[in-house]
């Protein structure tokens, strides 16, 4: 979004000039394991399926 804003504000900029020079300042890592994520996703999908079928969640 920032790159597009810079290009909009100054259309004479080359794309390379409008792109930020640095990478991300913060990296977020998952707070749960892959097994926990799978279990949560399975429960969620089961609840959605039951809801759409008109049964108890």
N, C-alpha and C. Protein backbone atom coordinates (compact mmCIF):
# COMPACT_ATOMS: atom_id res chain seq x y z
N UNK A 1 0.83 -1.18 0.00
CA UNK A 1 0.00 0.00 0.00
C UNK A 1 0.88 1.24 0.00
N UNK A 2 1.92 1.23 0.80
CA UNK A 2 2.81 2.38 0.87
C UNK A 2 3.48 2.66 -0.47
N UNK A 3 3.87 1.60 -1.16
CA UNK A 3 4.51 1.75 -2.47
C UNK A 3 3.55 2.39 -3.46
N UNK A 4 2.31 1.93 -3.46
CA UNK A 4 1.31 2.52 -4.36
C UNK A 4 1.06 3.99 -4.01
N UNK A 5 1.06 4.32 -2.73
CA UNK A 5 0.87 5.71 -2.32
C UNK A 5 2.04 6.57 -2.79
N UNK A 6 3.26 6.05 -2.66
CA UNK A 6 4.42 6.81 -3.13
C UNK A 6 4.36 7.03 -4.63
N UNK A 7 3.97 5.99 -5.38
CA UNK A 7 3.86 6.12 -6.83
C UNK A 7 2.74 7.10 -7.21
N UNK A 8 1.65 7.08 -6.46
CA UNK A 8 0.56 8.02 -6.73
C UNK A 8 0.95 9.45 -6.43
N UNK A 9 1.72 9.65 -5.38
CA UNK A 9 2.14 10.99 -5.00
C UNK A 9 3.22 11.53 -5.93
N UNK A 10 4.01 10.62 -6.49
CA UNK A 10 5.11 11.02 -7.38
C UNK A 10 5.20 10.03 -8.53
N UNK A 11 4.39 10.20 -9.57
CA UNK A 11 4.35 9.23 -10.68
C UNK A 11 5.66 9.12 -11.45
N UNK A 12 6.57 10.07 -11.25
CA UNK A 12 7.84 10.00 -11.98
C UNK A 12 8.82 9.01 -11.34
N UNK A 13 8.50 8.50 -10.16
CA UNK A 13 9.38 7.52 -9.50
C UNK A 13 9.39 6.21 -10.27
N UNK A 14 10.55 5.60 -10.34
CA UNK A 14 10.63 4.24 -10.87
C UNK A 14 10.14 3.30 -9.78
N UNK A 15 9.68 2.13 -10.17
CA UNK A 15 9.16 1.17 -9.20
C UNK A 15 10.22 0.84 -8.15
N UNK A 16 11.46 0.65 -8.57
CA UNK A 16 12.54 0.32 -7.63
C UNK A 16 12.74 1.43 -6.61
N UNK A 17 12.49 2.67 -7.00
CA UNK A 17 12.65 3.80 -6.07
C UNK A 17 11.49 3.86 -5.07
N UNK A 18 10.33 3.41 -5.48
CA UNK A 18 9.15 3.47 -4.62
C UNK A 18 9.10 2.32 -3.62
N UNK A 19 9.75 1.21 -3.94
CA UNK A 19 9.75 0.05 -3.05
C UNK A 19 10.57 0.33 -1.80
N UNK A 20 10.11 -0.14 -0.64
CA UNK A 20 10.90 0.05 0.58
C UNK A 20 12.20 -0.75 0.50
N UNK A 21 13.23 -0.23 1.14
CA UNK A 21 14.54 -0.87 1.08
C UNK A 21 14.77 -1.93 2.14
N UNK A 22 13.98 -1.93 3.19
CA UNK A 22 14.21 -2.86 4.29
C UNK A 22 13.14 -3.94 4.32
N UNK A 23 13.48 -5.04 4.95
CA UNK A 23 12.53 -6.13 5.14
C UNK A 23 11.65 -5.85 6.34
N UNK A 24 10.89 -6.84 6.76
CA UNK A 24 9.99 -6.65 7.90
C UNK A 24 10.78 -6.38 9.18
N UNK A 25 10.21 -5.55 10.04
CA UNK A 25 10.86 -5.25 11.31
C UNK A 25 10.46 -6.23 12.40
N UNK A 26 9.33 -6.91 12.22
CA UNK A 26 8.84 -7.87 13.21
C UNK A 26 8.38 -9.12 12.49
N UNK A 27 8.73 -10.27 13.07
CA UNK A 27 8.28 -11.55 12.52
C UNK A 27 7.47 -12.24 13.60
N UNK A 28 6.27 -12.66 13.26
CA UNK A 28 5.40 -13.33 14.22
C UNK A 28 5.45 -14.84 13.98
N UNK A 29 5.61 -15.58 15.05
CA UNK A 29 5.65 -17.04 14.99
C UNK A 29 4.38 -17.59 15.64
N UNK A 30 3.90 -18.74 15.16
CA UNK A 30 2.71 -19.33 15.77
C UNK A 30 2.93 -19.62 17.25
N UNK A 31 1.89 -19.39 18.04
CA UNK A 31 1.97 -19.65 19.47
C UNK A 31 1.53 -21.05 19.85
N UNK A 32 1.08 -21.83 18.88
CA UNK A 32 0.64 -23.20 19.15
C UNK A 32 1.35 -24.14 18.18
N UNK A 33 1.36 -25.41 18.53
CA UNK A 33 2.01 -26.39 17.66
C UNK A 33 1.10 -26.73 16.48
N UNK A 34 1.67 -27.39 15.50
CA UNK A 34 0.90 -27.83 14.33
C UNK A 34 -0.21 -28.79 14.75
N UNK A 35 0.07 -29.65 15.72
CA UNK A 35 -0.95 -30.60 16.20
C UNK A 35 -2.12 -29.86 16.86
N UNK A 36 -1.80 -28.84 17.67
CA UNK A 36 -2.86 -28.05 18.30
C UNK A 36 -3.70 -27.32 17.25
N UNK A 37 -3.04 -26.78 16.24
CA UNK A 37 -3.76 -26.08 15.17
C UNK A 37 -4.69 -27.03 14.43
N UNK A 38 -4.21 -28.23 14.15
CA UNK A 38 -5.03 -29.23 13.46
C UNK A 38 -6.24 -29.60 14.30
N UNK A 39 -6.04 -29.78 15.59
CA UNK A 39 -7.14 -30.16 16.49
C UNK A 39 -8.17 -29.03 16.57
N UNK A 40 -7.72 -27.79 16.66
CA UNK A 40 -8.64 -26.65 16.72
C UNK A 40 -9.42 -26.51 15.41
N UNK A 41 -8.73 -26.68 14.30
CA UNK A 41 -9.38 -26.58 12.99
C UNK A 41 -10.43 -27.68 12.84
N UNK A 42 -10.12 -28.89 13.30
CA UNK A 42 -11.06 -30.00 13.21
C UNK A 42 -12.31 -29.71 14.04
N UNK A 43 -12.13 -29.20 15.26
CA UNK A 43 -13.27 -28.84 16.11
C UNK A 43 -14.10 -27.74 15.48
N UNK A 44 -13.43 -26.73 14.94
CA UNK A 44 -14.13 -25.61 14.31
C UNK A 44 -14.95 -26.08 13.12
N UNK A 45 -14.34 -26.89 12.27
CA UNK A 45 -15.06 -27.38 11.09
C UNK A 45 -16.24 -28.26 11.49
N UNK A 46 -16.08 -29.05 12.55
CA UNK A 46 -17.18 -29.86 13.04
C UNK A 46 -18.33 -28.99 13.53
N UNK A 47 -18.00 -27.92 14.23
CA UNK A 47 -19.04 -27.00 14.72
C UNK A 47 -19.75 -26.32 13.57
N UNK A 48 -19.01 -25.89 12.56
CA UNK A 48 -19.62 -25.24 11.40
C UNK A 48 -20.51 -26.21 10.65
N UNK A 49 -20.04 -27.44 10.47
CA UNK A 49 -20.84 -28.45 9.78
C UNK A 49 -22.14 -28.71 10.52
N UNK A 50 -22.06 -28.84 11.86
CA UNK A 50 -23.27 -29.07 12.66
C UNK A 50 -24.21 -27.87 12.57
N UNK A 51 -23.66 -26.68 12.60
CA UNK A 51 -24.48 -25.47 12.52
C UNK A 51 -25.21 -25.41 11.18
N UNK A 52 -24.50 -25.67 10.10
CA UNK A 52 -25.11 -25.62 8.77
C UNK A 52 -26.14 -26.72 8.57
N UNK A 53 -25.97 -27.84 9.28
CA UNK A 53 -26.92 -28.95 9.18
C UNK A 53 -28.11 -28.76 10.10
N UNK A 54 -28.06 -27.73 10.95
CA UNK A 54 -29.17 -27.46 11.86
C UNK A 54 -29.08 -28.22 13.16
N UNK A 55 -27.96 -28.87 13.43
CA UNK A 55 -27.79 -29.63 14.66
C UNK A 55 -27.11 -28.81 15.74
N UNK A 56 -26.88 -29.41 16.91
CA UNK A 56 -26.18 -28.70 17.99
C UNK A 56 -24.71 -28.53 17.64
N UNK A 57 -24.16 -27.42 18.06
CA UNK A 57 -22.76 -27.13 17.74
C UNK A 57 -21.84 -27.74 18.72
